[in-house]
Amino acid sequence: MGMSARTVFRWLVWFSTGSYEGLKDNPKSGRPRKITEEMAQWLYNAVTMGNPK
């Protein structure tokens, strides 16, 4: 899957300390997203599951 061992072990530590809640993405500082979560999911599906045209 292209993940380094260090990344996987970091995820395991987060999971062991906080269950599934420990793996959730934390709020990020900076500019807000320009697209909604639904738009991002549609875009992901269009690119990965077929021809994006």
Protein backbone atom coordinates (compact mmCIF):
# COMPACT_ATOMS: atom_id res chain seq x y z
CA MET A 1 0.00 0.00 0.00
CA GLY A 2 3.01 2.29 -0.03
CA MET A 3 3.03 3.04 3.72
CA SER A 4 6.27 3.07 5.63
CA ALA A 5 6.64 0.85 8.68
CA ARG A 6 7.06 3.97 10.80
CA THR A 7 3.64 5.26 9.68
CA VAL A 8 1.95 1.94 10.43
CA PHE A 9 3.52 1.76 13.90
CA ARG A 10 2.43 5.36 14.59
CA TRP A 11 -1.15 4.38 13.68
CA LEU A 12 -0.92 1.38 16.02
CA VAL A 13 0.17 3.63 18.88
CA TRP A 14 -2.67 6.08 18.19
CA PHE A 15 -5.15 3.20 18.06
CA SER A 16 -3.86 1.63 21.27
CA THR A 17 -4.13 4.93 23.16
CA GLY A 18 -7.46 6.12 21.79
CA SER A 19 -9.23 3.27 19.97
CA TYR A 20 -10.89 4.41 16.73
CA GLU A 21 -11.11 7.96 18.10
CA GLY A 22 -7.31 8.05 18.20
CA LEU A 23 -7.19 7.50 14.43
CA LYS A 24 -9.55 10.35 13.53
CA ASP A 25 -8.06 13.31 11.73
CA ASN A 26 -7.45 16.33 13.95
CA PRO A 27 -8.65 19.79 12.91
CA LYS A 28 -6.07 21.59 10.81
CA SER A 29 -5.11 25.24 10.88
CA GLY A 30 -5.02 27.37 7.79
CA ARG A 31 -7.32 28.01 4.88
CA PRO A 32 -10.67 26.16 4.95
CA ARG A 33 -11.43 23.58 2.27
CA LYS A 34 -13.06 24.83 -0.91
CA ILE A 35 -15.03 21.62 -1.50
CA THR A 36 -17.39 19.70 0.74
CA GLU A 37 -16.79 16.16 1.94
CA GLU A 38 -19.41 14.91 -0.54
CA MET A 39 -17.64 16.65 -3.43
CA ALA A 40 -14.32 15.17 -2.35
CA GLN A 41 -15.85 11.68 -2.24
CA TRP A 42 -17.37 12.12 -5.71
CA LEU A 43 -14.03 13.31 -7.08
CA TYR A 44 -12.18 10.41 -5.49
CA ASN A 45 -14.65 7.91 -6.96
CA ALA A 46 -14.48 9.53 -10.40
CA VAL A 47 -10.69 9.32 -10.50
CA THR A 48 -10.18 5.91 -8.94
CA MET A 49 -13.17 3.94 -10.21
CA GLY A 50 -13.31 4.89 -13.84
CA ASN A 51 -12.58 7.48 -16.43
CA PRO A 52 -12.72 10.96 -14.85
CA LYS A 53 -13.98 12.47 -18.13
